[in-house]
Protein backbone atom coordinates (compact mmCIF):
# COMPACT_ATOMS: atom_id res chain seq x y z
CA MET A 1 150.25 -79.03 -177.65
CA GLU A 2 150.88 -75.35 -176.92
CA LYS A 3 152.99 -76.22 -173.89
CA GLU A 4 155.20 -78.48 -176.03
CA ASN A 5 155.71 -75.67 -178.55
CA LEU A 6 156.66 -73.25 -175.76
CA ASN A 7 159.17 -75.76 -174.37
CA LYS A 8 160.72 -76.18 -177.84
CA THR A 9 160.93 -72.40 -178.25
CA ASP A 10 162.63 -72.08 -174.86
CA GLU A 11 165.11 -74.82 -175.79
CA ILE A 12 165.92 -73.12 -179.10
CA ARG A 13 166.39 -69.77 -177.37
CA LYS A 14 168.70 -71.31 -174.75
CA LYS A 15 170.81 -72.93 -177.49
CA GLU A 16 171.00 -69.63 -179.37
CA ILE A 17 172.13 -67.78 -176.24
CA ALA A 18 174.75 -70.45 -175.53
CA ASN A 19 176.09 -69.85 -179.06
CA GLY A 20 176.11 -66.05 -178.65
CA ILE A 21 172.95 -65.29 -180.64
CA PHE A 22 170.46 -62.88 -179.07
CA ARG A 23 167.04 -61.65 -180.19
CA ALA A 24 166.25 -57.96 -179.73
CA TYR A 25 164.34 -54.96 -181.00
CA ASN A 26 166.33 -52.17 -182.61
CA VAL A 27 165.29 -49.02 -180.72
CA ASN A 28 166.96 -46.75 -183.30
CA ASN A 29 165.02 -48.39 -186.11
CA ARG A 30 161.37 -48.29 -185.01
CA LEU A 31 161.66 -51.40 -182.83
CA LYS A 32 162.20 -53.78 -185.74
CA ASN A 33 163.28 -57.34 -184.96
CA SER A 34 167.03 -57.74 -184.74
CA THR A 35 169.47 -60.56 -184.21
CA LEU A 36 172.75 -59.85 -182.40
CA THR A 37 175.49 -62.40 -183.01
CA PHE A 38 178.81 -62.47 -181.18
CA GLN A 39 181.57 -63.25 -183.66
CA GLU A 40 185.30 -63.62 -183.09
CA ASN A 41 186.22 -59.94 -183.56
CA SER A 42 182.89 -58.14 -183.78
CA LEU A 43 179.23 -58.00 -182.88
CA LEU A 44 176.97 -58.47 -185.89
CA ALA A 45 173.60 -56.70 -185.62
CA VAL A 46 171.10 -57.68 -188.32
CA THR A 47 167.80 -55.78 -188.38
CA ASP A 48 164.87 -57.16 -190.35
CA ALA A 49 163.79 -55.51 -193.56
CA HIS A 50 161.05 -52.98 -193.93
CA VAL A 51 157.97 -54.55 -195.55
CA LEU A 52 158.23 -52.39 -198.68
CA SER A 53 161.99 -52.04 -199.17
CA LYS A 54 163.03 -55.69 -198.57
CA LYS A 55 166.46 -54.49 -197.37
CA ARG A 56 168.02 -55.85 -194.22
CA GLU A 57 170.27 -53.58 -192.25
CA GLU A 58 173.54 -55.17 -191.14
CA ASN A 59 175.94 -53.49 -188.74
CA ASN A 60 179.28 -55.06 -187.94
CA ILE A 61 180.49 -53.52 -184.68
CA PRO A 62 184.15 -54.35 -183.91
CA TYR A 63 184.77 -54.92 -180.20
CA SER A 64 187.79 -52.60 -180.38
CA SER A 65 185.57 -49.68 -181.46
CA ILE A 66 183.12 -50.02 -178.54
CA ARG A 67 183.82 -47.11 -176.22
CA SER A 68 181.18 -47.94 -173.64
CA PHE A 69 177.86 -49.60 -173.09
CA LYS A 70 175.16 -49.20 -170.49
CA VAL A 71 171.92 -50.88 -169.53
CA HIS A 72 168.89 -48.86 -168.51
CA GLU A 73 165.24 -49.61 -167.96
CA GLN A 74 162.71 -48.45 -170.50
CA GLY A 75 159.09 -49.40 -170.06
CA LEU A 76 158.81 -53.00 -168.93
CA GLY A 77 162.20 -54.11 -170.24
CA LYS A 78 165.84 -53.12 -170.43
CA VAL A 79 167.69 -51.37 -173.21
CA VAL A 80 171.39 -51.86 -173.93
CA GLU A 81 173.06 -48.79 -175.43
CA ILE A 82 176.38 -49.41 -177.19
CA LYS A 83 178.50 -46.36 -177.95
CA THR A 84 181.19 -46.37 -180.62
CA ALA A 85 183.19 -43.53 -182.14
CA ALA A 86 180.94 -43.44 -185.20
CA LYS A 87 177.46 -44.31 -183.95
CA ASN A 88 175.32 -45.21 -180.96
CA TYR A 89 173.23 -48.38 -181.04
CA LYS A 90 170.25 -49.17 -178.82
CA PHE A 91 168.68 -52.60 -178.49
CA HIS A 92 165.77 -53.78 -176.36
CA LEU A 93 166.97 -57.25 -175.39
CA PHE A 94 165.11 -60.27 -174.09
CA ASN A 95 168.02 -61.67 -172.04
CA THR A 96 170.06 -58.69 -170.91
CA LYS A 97 172.16 -60.43 -168.25
CA ALA A 98 173.58 -63.08 -170.58
CA PHE A 99 174.21 -60.46 -173.30
CA VAL A 100 176.18 -58.22 -170.92
CA GLU A 101 178.25 -61.21 -169.75
CA PHE A 102 179.13 -62.09 -173.37
CA LEU A 103 179.96 -58.47 -174.18
CA ASN A 104 182.19 -58.08 -171.12
CA LYS A 105 184.15 -61.20 -172.09
CA LYS A 106 184.63 -60.01 -175.66
CA ILE A 107 185.67 -56.44 -174.80
CA LYS A 108 188.31 -57.51 -172.28
């Protein structure tokens, strides 16, 4: 039973990645769950709400405003740091390689 649930979760995650949807933790925001979605002209970063405030944080990052990004190791995983003119974003991603491939395609 548990193995079937894990297989379904893996299938869902693979479909999400194929559609440009990535799960992450927002390093800037106390490691809250985030969803990064590649859209036509921008990267949408939605961070889950705080338990008390019930507000979700949404950041729409246009590809044209991304100055640079880098991947570095932190603890057991990898963190992607995206630098724009206005703000720096850091996300601890579960599938860094696929995310970087998507981002490279969109920036170019």
